[in-house]
N, C-alpha and C. Protein backbone atom coordinates (compact mmCIF):
# COMPACT_ATOMS: atom_id res chain seq x y z
N UNK A 1 -16.84 -7.01 -5.27
CA UNK A 1 -17.63 -5.82 -5.08
C UNK A 1 -18.65 -5.75 -6.22
N UNK A 2 -19.90 -5.44 -5.90
CA UNK A 2 -20.92 -5.33 -6.95
C UNK A 2 -20.57 -4.21 -7.94
N UNK A 3 -20.90 -4.45 -9.20
CA UNK A 3 -20.56 -3.48 -10.25
C UNK A 3 -21.21 -2.12 -10.00
N UNK A 4 -22.37 -2.10 -9.37
CA UNK A 4 -23.07 -0.84 -9.11
C UNK A 4 -22.33 -0.01 -8.07
N UNK A 5 -21.64 -0.66 -7.16
CA UNK A 5 -20.96 0.06 -6.07
C UNK A 5 -19.63 0.65 -6.51
N UNK A 6 -19.03 0.10 -7.56
CA UNK A 6 -17.71 0.58 -7.98
C UNK A 6 -17.66 2.06 -8.32
N UNK A 7 -18.57 2.59 -9.14
CA UNK A 7 -18.52 4.03 -9.43
C UNK A 7 -18.76 4.90 -8.20
N UNK A 8 -19.61 4.44 -7.31
CA UNK A 8 -19.89 5.21 -6.09
C UNK A 8 -18.64 5.28 -5.22
N UNK A 9 -18.01 4.13 -5.01
CA UNK A 9 -16.79 4.10 -4.21
C UNK A 9 -15.67 4.88 -4.90
N UNK A 10 -15.55 4.72 -6.22
CA UNK A 10 -14.54 5.46 -6.97
C UNK A 10 -14.74 6.96 -6.86
N UNK A 11 -15.99 7.40 -6.96
CA UNK A 11 -16.29 8.83 -6.83
C UNK A 11 -15.96 9.36 -5.44
N UNK A 12 -16.23 8.55 -4.42
CA UNK A 12 -15.90 8.96 -3.05
C UNK A 12 -14.39 9.08 -2.87
N UNK A 13 -13.65 8.13 -3.42
CA UNK A 13 -12.19 8.17 -3.32
C UNK A 13 -11.64 9.39 -4.07
N UNK A 14 -12.14 9.63 -5.27
CA UNK A 14 -11.69 10.80 -6.04
C UNK A 14 -12.04 12.10 -5.33
N UNK A 15 -13.21 12.15 -4.71
CA UNK A 15 -13.59 13.33 -3.93
C UNK A 15 -12.65 13.55 -2.76
N UNK A 16 -12.21 12.45 -2.13
CA UNK A 16 -11.23 12.56 -1.04
C UNK A 16 -9.89 13.08 -1.54
N UNK A 17 -9.51 12.63 -2.74
CA UNK A 17 -8.25 13.11 -3.32
C UNK A 17 -8.28 14.62 -3.55
N UNK A 18 -9.46 15.14 -3.85
CA UNK A 18 -9.60 16.59 -4.10
C UNK A 18 -9.23 17.40 -2.87
N UNK A 19 -9.39 16.80 -1.69
CA UNK A 19 -9.00 17.51 -0.47
C UNK A 19 -7.48 17.55 -0.31
N UNK A 20 -6.78 16.58 -0.91
CA UNK A 20 -5.32 16.55 -0.84
C UNK A 20 -4.73 17.52 -1.86
N UNK A 21 -5.18 17.42 -3.10
CA UNK A 21 -4.71 18.31 -4.17
C UNK A 21 -5.72 18.32 -5.31
N UNK A 22 -6.01 19.49 -5.86
CA UNK A 22 -6.91 19.53 -7.01
C UNK A 22 -6.29 18.92 -8.26
N UNK A 23 -4.99 18.71 -8.25
CA UNK A 23 -4.32 18.13 -9.41
C UNK A 23 -4.72 16.68 -9.64
N UNK A 24 -5.34 16.05 -8.65
CA UNK A 24 -5.80 14.67 -8.83
C UNK A 24 -7.04 14.60 -9.71
N UNK A 25 -7.75 15.71 -9.83
CA UNK A 25 -9.00 15.73 -10.59
C UNK A 25 -8.75 16.12 -12.04
N UNK A 26 -9.64 15.80 -12.90
CA UNK A 26 -9.62 16.02 -14.35
C UNK A 26 -8.44 15.29 -14.99
N UNK A 27 -8.28 15.47 -16.28
CA UNK A 27 -7.21 14.75 -16.98
C UNK A 27 -5.85 15.44 -16.89
N UNK A 28 -5.81 16.67 -16.40
CA UNK A 28 -4.55 17.37 -16.22
C UNK A 28 -4.23 18.41 -17.27
N UNK A 29 -5.00 18.44 -18.35
CA UNK A 29 -4.71 19.39 -19.43
C UNK A 29 -4.83 20.83 -18.94
N UNK A 30 -5.87 21.13 -18.19
CA UNK A 30 -6.06 22.48 -17.66
C UNK A 30 -4.97 22.82 -16.65
N UNK A 31 -4.59 21.83 -15.86
CA UNK A 31 -3.56 22.07 -14.84
C UNK A 31 -2.21 22.37 -15.49
N UNK A 32 -1.90 21.72 -16.61
CA UNK A 32 -0.65 22.03 -17.31
C UNK A 32 -0.65 23.48 -17.77
N UNK A 33 -1.77 23.92 -18.30
CA UNK A 33 -1.86 25.32 -18.74
C UNK A 33 -1.70 26.27 -17.56
N UNK A 34 -2.30 25.94 -16.43
CA UNK A 34 -2.16 26.78 -15.23
C UNK A 34 -0.71 26.82 -14.74
N UNK A 35 -0.06 25.66 -14.72
CA UNK A 35 1.32 25.59 -14.23
C UNK A 35 2.28 26.31 -15.17
N UNK A 36 1.97 26.36 -16.46
CA UNK A 36 2.83 27.09 -17.40
C UNK A 36 2.89 28.57 -17.08
N UNK A 37 1.84 29.10 -16.47
CA UNK A 37 1.79 30.52 -16.14
C UNK A 37 2.50 30.87 -14.86
N UNK A 38 3.02 29.88 -14.15
CA UNK A 38 3.69 30.12 -12.87
C UNK A 38 5.19 29.90 -13.07
N UNK A 39 5.98 30.90 -12.68
CA UNK A 39 7.43 30.81 -12.90
C UNK A 39 8.08 29.73 -12.05
N UNK A 40 7.76 29.67 -10.78
CA UNK A 40 8.40 28.71 -9.88
C UNK A 40 7.34 27.95 -9.10
N UNK A 41 7.41 26.63 -9.16
CA UNK A 41 6.53 25.76 -8.40
C UNK A 41 7.43 24.82 -7.62
N UNK A 42 7.11 24.58 -6.36
CA UNK A 42 7.92 23.69 -5.53
C UNK A 42 7.93 22.29 -6.11
N UNK A 43 9.10 21.66 -6.10
CA UNK A 43 9.23 20.31 -6.63
C UNK A 43 8.32 19.34 -5.89
N UNK A 44 8.17 19.53 -4.58
CA UNK A 44 7.29 18.63 -3.81
C UNK A 44 5.84 18.74 -4.27
N UNK A 45 5.41 19.94 -4.63
CA UNK A 45 4.05 20.12 -5.14
C UNK A 45 3.88 19.36 -6.45
N UNK A 46 4.86 19.45 -7.32
CA UNK A 46 4.79 18.77 -8.61
C UNK A 46 4.86 17.26 -8.45
N UNK A 47 5.69 16.78 -7.54
CA UNK A 47 5.79 15.34 -7.31
C UNK A 47 4.50 14.80 -6.68
N UNK A 48 3.91 15.57 -5.76
CA UNK A 48 2.63 15.17 -5.18
C UNK A 48 1.55 15.14 -6.25
N UNK A 49 1.55 16.14 -7.12
CA UNK A 49 0.56 16.18 -8.21
C UNK A 49 0.71 14.96 -9.12
N UNK A 50 1.94 14.60 -9.46
CA UNK A 50 2.17 13.43 -10.32
C UNK A 50 1.72 12.15 -9.63
N UNK A 51 2.08 12.00 -8.36
CA UNK A 51 1.69 10.79 -7.62
C UNK A 51 0.18 10.67 -7.49
N UNK A 52 -0.47 11.78 -7.18
CA UNK A 52 -1.92 11.75 -7.03
C UNK A 52 -2.60 11.49 -8.37
N UNK A 53 -2.03 12.00 -9.45
CA UNK A 53 -2.61 11.77 -10.77
C UNK A 53 -2.50 10.29 -11.15
N UNK A 54 -1.40 9.64 -10.79
CA UNK A 54 -1.25 8.21 -11.06
C UNK A 54 -2.35 7.43 -10.35
N UNK A 55 -2.51 7.68 -9.06
CA UNK A 55 -3.50 6.95 -8.27
C UNK A 55 -4.92 7.29 -8.73
N UNK A 56 -5.18 8.57 -8.96
CA UNK A 56 -6.52 8.99 -9.38
C UNK A 56 -6.89 8.40 -10.74
N UNK A 57 -5.94 8.32 -11.65
CA UNK A 57 -6.21 7.74 -12.96
C UNK A 57 -6.53 6.26 -12.83
N UNK A 58 -5.80 5.57 -11.97
CA UNK A 58 -6.07 4.15 -11.74
C UNK A 58 -7.46 3.96 -11.14
N UNK A 59 -7.81 4.78 -10.16
CA UNK A 59 -9.14 4.69 -9.54
C UNK A 59 -10.23 4.98 -10.57
N UNK A 60 -10.01 5.97 -11.42
CA UNK A 60 -10.99 6.33 -12.45
C UNK A 60 -11.25 5.16 -13.38
N UNK A 61 -10.19 4.54 -13.87
CA UNK A 61 -10.34 3.44 -14.83
C UNK A 61 -10.95 2.21 -14.15
N UNK A 62 -10.47 1.85 -12.97
CA UNK A 62 -10.94 0.65 -12.28
C UNK A 62 -12.39 0.78 -11.84
N UNK A 63 -12.80 1.97 -11.44
CA UNK A 63 -14.16 2.14 -10.94
C UNK A 63 -15.19 2.37 -12.04
N UNK A 64 -14.75 2.41 -13.29
CA UNK A 64 -15.68 2.51 -14.40
C UNK A 64 -16.09 3.91 -14.80
N UNK A 65 -15.41 4.91 -14.29
CA UNK A 65 -15.71 6.29 -14.67
C UNK A 65 -15.18 6.54 -16.07
N UNK A 66 -15.75 7.51 -16.76
CA UNK A 66 -15.25 7.88 -18.08
C UNK A 66 -13.89 8.53 -17.95
N UNK A 67 -13.04 8.21 -18.86
CA UNK A 67 -11.70 8.78 -18.85
C UNK A 67 -10.69 7.70 -19.14
N UNK A 68 -9.51 8.12 -19.43
CA UNK A 68 -8.45 7.19 -19.74
C UNK A 68 -7.20 7.59 -19.03
N UNK A 69 -6.09 7.28 -19.63
CA UNK A 69 -4.82 7.55 -18.97
C UNK A 69 -3.81 8.25 -19.86
N UNK A 70 -4.13 8.53 -21.11
CA UNK A 70 -3.15 9.12 -22.00
C UNK A 70 -2.83 10.56 -21.61
N UNK A 71 -3.83 11.42 -21.50
CA UNK A 71 -3.57 12.82 -21.11
C UNK A 71 -3.07 12.88 -19.67
N UNK A 72 -3.61 12.08 -18.73
CA UNK A 72 -3.01 12.08 -17.40
C UNK A 72 -1.53 11.67 -17.41
N UNK A 73 -1.15 10.75 -18.30
CA UNK A 73 0.27 10.39 -18.40
C UNK A 73 1.10 11.56 -18.91
N UNK A 74 0.56 12.34 -19.83
CA UNK A 74 1.26 13.54 -20.28
C UNK A 74 1.45 14.50 -19.10
N UNK A 75 0.41 14.67 -18.29
CA UNK A 75 0.50 15.55 -17.12
C UNK A 75 1.55 15.03 -16.13
N UNK A 76 1.58 13.72 -15.91
CA UNK A 76 2.56 13.13 -14.99
C UNK A 76 3.97 13.39 -15.51
N UNK A 77 4.20 13.17 -16.80
CA UNK A 77 5.51 13.45 -17.38
C UNK A 77 5.89 14.91 -17.26
N UNK A 78 4.91 15.79 -17.50
CA UNK A 78 5.16 17.23 -17.37
C UNK A 78 5.58 17.58 -15.95
N UNK A 79 4.84 17.07 -14.96
CA UNK A 79 5.17 17.37 -13.55
C UNK A 79 6.55 16.86 -13.18
N UNK A 80 6.88 15.64 -13.61
CA UNK A 80 8.20 15.09 -13.28
C UNK A 80 9.31 15.90 -13.94
N UNK A 81 9.10 16.31 -15.18
CA UNK A 81 10.11 17.13 -15.86
C UNK A 81 10.26 18.48 -15.18
N UNK A 82 9.16 19.08 -14.86
CA UNK A 82 9.20 20.41 -14.23
C UNK A 82 9.85 20.33 -12.85
N UNK A 83 9.62 19.23 -12.13
CA UNK A 83 10.20 19.07 -10.79
C UNK A 83 11.71 18.87 -10.87
N UNK A 84 12.21 18.29 -11.95
CA UNK A 84 13.65 18.02 -12.05
C UNK A 84 14.42 19.09 -12.80
N UNK A 85 13.72 19.98 -13.49
CA UNK A 85 14.40 21.01 -14.29
C UNK A 85 15.39 21.82 -13.47
N UNK A 86 15.03 22.21 -12.28
CA UNK A 86 15.92 23.01 -11.44
C UNK A 86 17.14 22.25 -10.95
N UNK A 87 17.09 20.92 -11.02
CA UNK A 87 18.20 20.10 -10.55
C UNK A 87 19.11 19.64 -11.69
N UNK A 88 18.79 20.05 -12.90
CA UNK A 88 19.60 19.70 -14.06
C UNK A 88 20.10 20.97 -14.72
N UNK A 89 21.24 21.48 -14.27
CA UNK A 89 21.74 22.75 -14.80
C UNK A 89 21.91 22.71 -16.32
N UNK A 90 21.48 23.76 -16.96
CA UNK A 90 21.63 23.86 -18.40
C UNK A 90 20.55 23.17 -19.20
N UNK A 91 19.61 22.52 -18.53
CA UNK A 91 18.56 21.82 -19.27
C UNK A 91 17.50 22.81 -19.73
N UNK A 92 16.93 22.52 -20.86
CA UNK A 92 15.84 23.34 -21.39
C UNK A 92 14.53 22.76 -20.86
N UNK A 93 13.76 23.55 -20.13
CA UNK A 93 12.54 23.00 -19.52
C UNK A 93 11.52 22.48 -20.54
N UNK A 94 11.45 23.09 -21.72
CA UNK A 94 10.47 22.64 -22.71
C UNK A 94 10.89 21.33 -23.36
N UNK A 95 12.17 21.19 -23.63
CA UNK A 95 12.65 19.92 -24.20
C UNK A 95 12.47 18.81 -23.18
N UNK A 96 12.82 19.09 -21.94
CA UNK A 96 12.67 18.10 -20.87
C UNK A 96 11.20 17.73 -20.69
N UNK A 97 10.32 18.72 -20.71
CA UNK A 97 8.88 18.45 -20.53
C UNK A 97 8.33 17.61 -21.68
N UNK A 98 8.66 17.98 -22.90
CA UNK A 98 8.15 17.23 -24.06
C UNK A 98 8.65 15.79 -24.03
N UNK A 99 9.93 15.61 -23.73
CA UNK A 99 10.49 14.27 -23.66
C UNK A 99 9.86 13.43 -22.55
N UNK A 100 9.68 14.02 -21.39
CA UNK A 100 9.09 13.29 -20.26
C UNK A 100 7.62 12.98 -20.50
N UNK A 101 6.90 13.90 -21.14
CA UNK A 101 5.49 13.64 -21.44
C UNK A 101 5.35 12.44 -22.38
N UNK A 102 6.14 12.42 -23.43
CA UNK A 102 6.07 11.31 -24.38
C UNK A 102 6.59 10.02 -23.75
N UNK A 103 7.68 10.11 -22.99
CA UNK A 103 8.26 8.92 -22.38
C UNK A 103 7.30 8.29 -21.37
N UNK A 104 6.61 9.10 -20.59
CA UNK A 104 5.64 8.56 -19.62
C UNK A 104 4.53 7.81 -20.35
N UNK A 105 4.07 8.36 -21.44
CA UNK A 105 3.01 7.70 -22.19
C UNK A 105 3.50 6.42 -22.86
N UNK A 106 4.69 6.46 -23.43
CA UNK A 106 5.24 5.29 -24.09
C UNK A 106 5.51 4.17 -23.08
N UNK A 107 5.92 4.53 -21.88
CA UNK A 107 6.17 3.52 -20.86
C UNK A 107 4.96 2.66 -20.56
N UNK A 108 3.78 3.21 -20.74
CA UNK A 108 2.55 2.47 -20.47
C UNK A 108 1.92 1.94 -21.75
N UNK A 109 1.81 2.78 -22.77
CA UNK A 109 1.06 2.40 -23.98
C UNK A 109 1.90 1.71 -25.05
N UNK A 110 3.21 1.85 -24.99
CA UNK A 110 4.13 1.27 -25.99
C UNK A 110 3.84 1.80 -27.39
N UNK A 111 3.56 3.11 -27.48
CA UNK A 111 3.27 3.75 -28.77
C UNK A 111 4.23 4.91 -29.00
N UNK A 112 5.49 4.63 -29.36
CA UNK A 112 6.47 5.71 -29.45
C UNK A 112 6.20 6.72 -30.56
N UNK A 113 5.74 6.27 -31.70
CA UNK A 113 5.51 7.20 -32.81
C UNK A 113 4.29 8.07 -32.52
N UNK A 114 3.20 7.46 -32.12
CA UNK A 114 1.99 8.22 -31.82
C UNK A 114 2.19 9.21 -30.69
N UNK A 115 2.84 8.77 -29.62
CA UNK A 115 3.08 9.66 -28.48
C UNK A 115 3.97 10.83 -28.88
N UNK A 116 4.99 10.54 -29.66
CA UNK A 116 5.90 11.60 -30.12
C UNK A 116 5.16 12.62 -30.97
N UNK A 117 4.34 12.14 -31.89
CA UNK A 117 3.62 13.06 -32.77
C UNK A 117 2.61 13.90 -32.00
N UNK A 118 1.91 13.31 -31.05
CA UNK A 118 0.92 14.08 -30.28
C UNK A 118 1.61 15.15 -29.46
N UNK A 119 2.68 14.78 -28.76
CA UNK A 119 3.38 15.76 -27.91
C UNK A 119 4.02 16.85 -28.75
N UNK A 120 4.67 16.49 -29.84
CA UNK A 120 5.32 17.53 -30.65
C UNK A 120 4.30 18.41 -31.36
N UNK A 121 3.13 17.88 -31.65
CA UNK A 121 2.08 18.73 -32.22
C UNK A 121 1.61 19.74 -31.18
N UNK A 122 1.51 19.31 -29.92
CA UNK A 122 1.09 20.22 -28.85
C UNK A 122 2.19 21.23 -28.51
N UNK A 123 3.44 20.77 -28.52
CA UNK A 123 4.54 21.60 -28.03
C UNK A 123 5.29 22.34 -29.14
N UNK A 124 5.19 21.87 -30.34
CA UNK A 124 5.93 22.49 -31.44
C UNK A 124 6.81 21.47 -32.12
N UNK A 125 6.74 21.41 -33.42
CA UNK A 125 7.45 20.36 -34.15
C UNK A 125 8.96 20.46 -34.06
N UNK A 126 9.50 21.58 -33.62
CA UNK A 126 10.95 21.68 -33.49
C UNK A 126 11.46 20.74 -32.40
N UNK A 127 10.58 20.26 -31.53
CA UNK A 127 10.98 19.35 -30.46
C UNK A 127 10.89 17.88 -30.88
N UNK A 128 10.64 17.61 -32.16
CA UNK A 128 10.48 16.24 -32.62
C UNK A 128 11.69 15.34 -32.35
N UNK A 129 12.92 15.73 -32.71
CA UNK A 129 14.05 14.81 -32.48
C UNK A 129 14.26 14.42 -31.01
N UNK A 130 14.34 15.37 -30.07
CA UNK A 130 14.56 14.93 -28.68
C UNK A 130 13.36 14.17 -28.10
N UNK A 131 12.16 14.51 -28.55
CA UNK A 131 10.98 13.80 -28.05
C UNK A 131 10.96 12.37 -28.57
N UNK A 132 11.33 12.17 -29.82
CA UNK A 132 11.40 10.83 -30.39
C UNK A 132 12.47 10.00 -29.69
N UNK A 133 13.60 10.60 -29.40
CA UNK A 133 14.67 9.89 -28.68
C UNK A 133 14.17 9.46 -27.30
N UNK A 134 13.50 10.36 -26.58
CA UNK A 134 12.96 10.03 -25.26
C UNK A 134 11.94 8.90 -25.36
N UNK A 135 11.10 8.93 -26.39
CA UNK A 135 10.10 7.88 -26.59
C UNK A 135 10.75 6.53 -26.85
N UNK A 136 11.77 6.51 -27.69
CA UNK A 136 12.44 5.25 -28.02
C UNK A 136 13.20 4.69 -26.82
N UNK A 137 13.83 5.57 -26.05
CA UNK A 137 14.52 5.11 -24.83
C UNK A 137 13.50 4.53 -23.85
N UNK A 138 12.37 5.19 -23.70
CA UNK A 138 11.32 4.69 -22.81
C UNK A 138 10.82 3.33 -23.28
N UNK A 139 10.61 3.17 -24.58
CA UNK A 139 10.17 1.89 -25.12
C UNK A 139 11.21 0.80 -24.85
N UNK A 140 12.47 1.13 -25.06
CA UNK A 140 13.54 0.17 -24.82
C UNK A 140 13.59 -0.25 -23.35
N UNK A 141 13.45 0.72 -22.45
CA UNK A 141 13.55 0.42 -21.02
C UNK A 141 12.32 -0.28 -20.45
N UNK A 142 11.17 -0.10 -21.09
CA UNK A 142 9.94 -0.66 -20.54
C UNK A 142 9.31 -1.75 -21.40
N UNK A 143 9.99 -2.20 -22.44
CA UNK A 143 9.37 -3.15 -23.36
C UNK A 143 9.02 -4.47 -22.70
N UNK A 144 9.68 -4.82 -21.62
CA UNK A 144 9.36 -6.06 -20.92
C UNK A 144 8.26 -5.92 -19.90
N UNK A 145 7.75 -4.72 -19.72
CA UNK A 145 6.73 -4.45 -18.71
C UNK A 145 5.42 -4.13 -19.41
N UNK A 146 4.39 -4.88 -19.10
CA UNK A 146 3.08 -4.61 -19.68
C UNK A 146 2.09 -4.20 -18.61
N UNK A 147 1.51 -3.03 -18.74
CA UNK A 147 0.53 -2.56 -17.76
C UNK A 147 -0.89 -2.62 -18.30
N UNK A 148 -1.06 -2.76 -19.59
CA UNK A 148 -2.38 -2.83 -20.20
C UNK A 148 -2.59 -4.27 -20.65
N UNK A 149 -3.41 -5.00 -19.90
CA UNK A 149 -3.56 -6.43 -20.16
C UNK A 149 -4.32 -6.73 -21.45
N UNK A 150 -5.10 -5.78 -21.94
CA UNK A 150 -5.85 -6.00 -23.17
C UNK A 150 -5.08 -5.53 -24.41
N UNK A 151 -3.85 -5.09 -24.22
CA UNK A 151 -3.06 -4.60 -25.34
C UNK A 151 -2.67 -5.76 -26.24
N UNK A 152 -2.74 -5.54 -27.55
CA UNK A 152 -2.40 -6.59 -28.50
C UNK A 152 -0.92 -6.92 -28.41
N UNK A 153 -0.62 -8.19 -28.57
CA UNK A 153 0.75 -8.65 -28.56
C UNK A 153 1.34 -8.51 -29.96
N UNK A 154 2.58 -8.09 -30.03
CA UNK A 154 3.28 -8.01 -31.30
C UNK A 154 3.93 -9.37 -31.55
N UNK A 155 3.94 -9.79 -32.79
CA UNK A 155 4.55 -11.06 -33.14
C UNK A 155 5.95 -10.83 -33.66
N UNK A 156 6.83 -11.74 -33.34
CA UNK A 156 8.21 -11.67 -33.80
C UNK A 156 8.32 -12.52 -35.07
N UNK A 157 8.58 -11.92 -36.23
CA UNK A 157 8.67 -12.70 -37.46
C UNK A 157 9.85 -13.66 -37.47
N UNK A 158 10.78 -13.52 -36.54
CA UNK A 158 11.93 -14.42 -36.48
C UNK A 158 11.63 -15.69 -35.69
N UNK A 159 10.47 -15.75 -35.01
CA UNK A 159 10.12 -16.95 -34.27
C UNK A 159 9.86 -18.08 -35.25
N UNK A 160 10.20 -19.32 -34.83
CA UNK A 160 10.04 -20.46 -35.72
C UNK A 160 8.59 -20.73 -36.08
N UNK A 161 7.68 -20.55 -35.13
CA UNK A 161 6.28 -20.88 -35.39
C UNK A 161 5.46 -19.65 -35.79
N UNK A 162 6.13 -18.61 -36.28
CA UNK A 162 5.42 -17.41 -36.73
C UNK A 162 4.73 -17.69 -38.06
N UNK A 163 3.45 -17.42 -38.14
CA UNK A 163 2.66 -17.60 -39.35
C UNK A 163 2.03 -16.26 -39.71
N UNK A 164 2.51 -15.59 -40.76
CA UNK A 164 1.98 -14.27 -41.10
C UNK A 164 0.52 -14.29 -41.50
N UNK A 165 -0.01 -15.47 -41.89
CA UNK A 165 -1.41 -15.57 -42.29
C UNK A 165 -2.33 -15.87 -41.12
N UNK A 166 -1.77 -16.18 -39.97
CA UNK A 166 -2.57 -16.50 -38.79
C UNK A 166 -3.08 -15.20 -38.16
N UNK A 167 -4.38 -15.03 -38.12
CA UNK A 167 -4.96 -13.81 -37.54
C UNK A 167 -5.48 -14.04 -36.14
N UNK A 168 -5.33 -15.24 -35.62
CA UNK A 168 -5.84 -15.53 -34.28
C UNK A 168 -4.93 -14.92 -33.23
N UNK A 169 -5.51 -14.61 -32.12
CA UNK A 169 -4.72 -14.09 -31.00
C UNK A 169 -3.94 -15.24 -30.39
N UNK A 170 -2.79 -14.94 -29.78
CA UNK A 170 -2.03 -15.99 -29.13
C UNK A 170 -2.80 -16.56 -27.94
N UNK A 171 -2.48 -17.77 -27.58
CA UNK A 171 -3.16 -18.40 -26.45
C UNK A 171 -2.96 -17.58 -25.19
N UNK A 172 -4.02 -17.48 -24.41
CA UNK A 172 -3.95 -16.75 -23.15
C UNK A 172 -4.22 -15.27 -23.28
N UNK A 173 -4.39 -14.78 -24.49
CA UNK A 173 -4.65 -13.34 -24.66
C UNK A 173 -6.12 -13.05 -24.55
């Protein structure tokens, strides 16, 4: 597909998503604030919002539109936490939301400390321990999965051919 056509097609697809749910549009920060003001939201609405945000974020990045995936990942985690809160008796919705927001981001970006600090700064530093645990569990469960092909590879100092002075990227990167 010609590079000039990608943003046009991406914009048309995103416009179509707007007819399904407005949650597919923007990065999700405003939508989180709106959802916080509503006492009860149907789980299907939240799951649809999360699914549409995943697809819309992918379309945005692939078609060359401005935007990224970090705040949309926070929104996806928030929606998933909010959708499951009613099914987990005794769970604290804010702890669940903070943990899911950080875990969703860590699953893609592999940045447990940064994700934890950003979420706990937004939600309140008292949520630091459970958010950090959720981030580390997410990193452990997703460390073998890479979704960002341009992400730098970490070197294992225990490998036999590890050279701490070598600044070159590994072959194939």
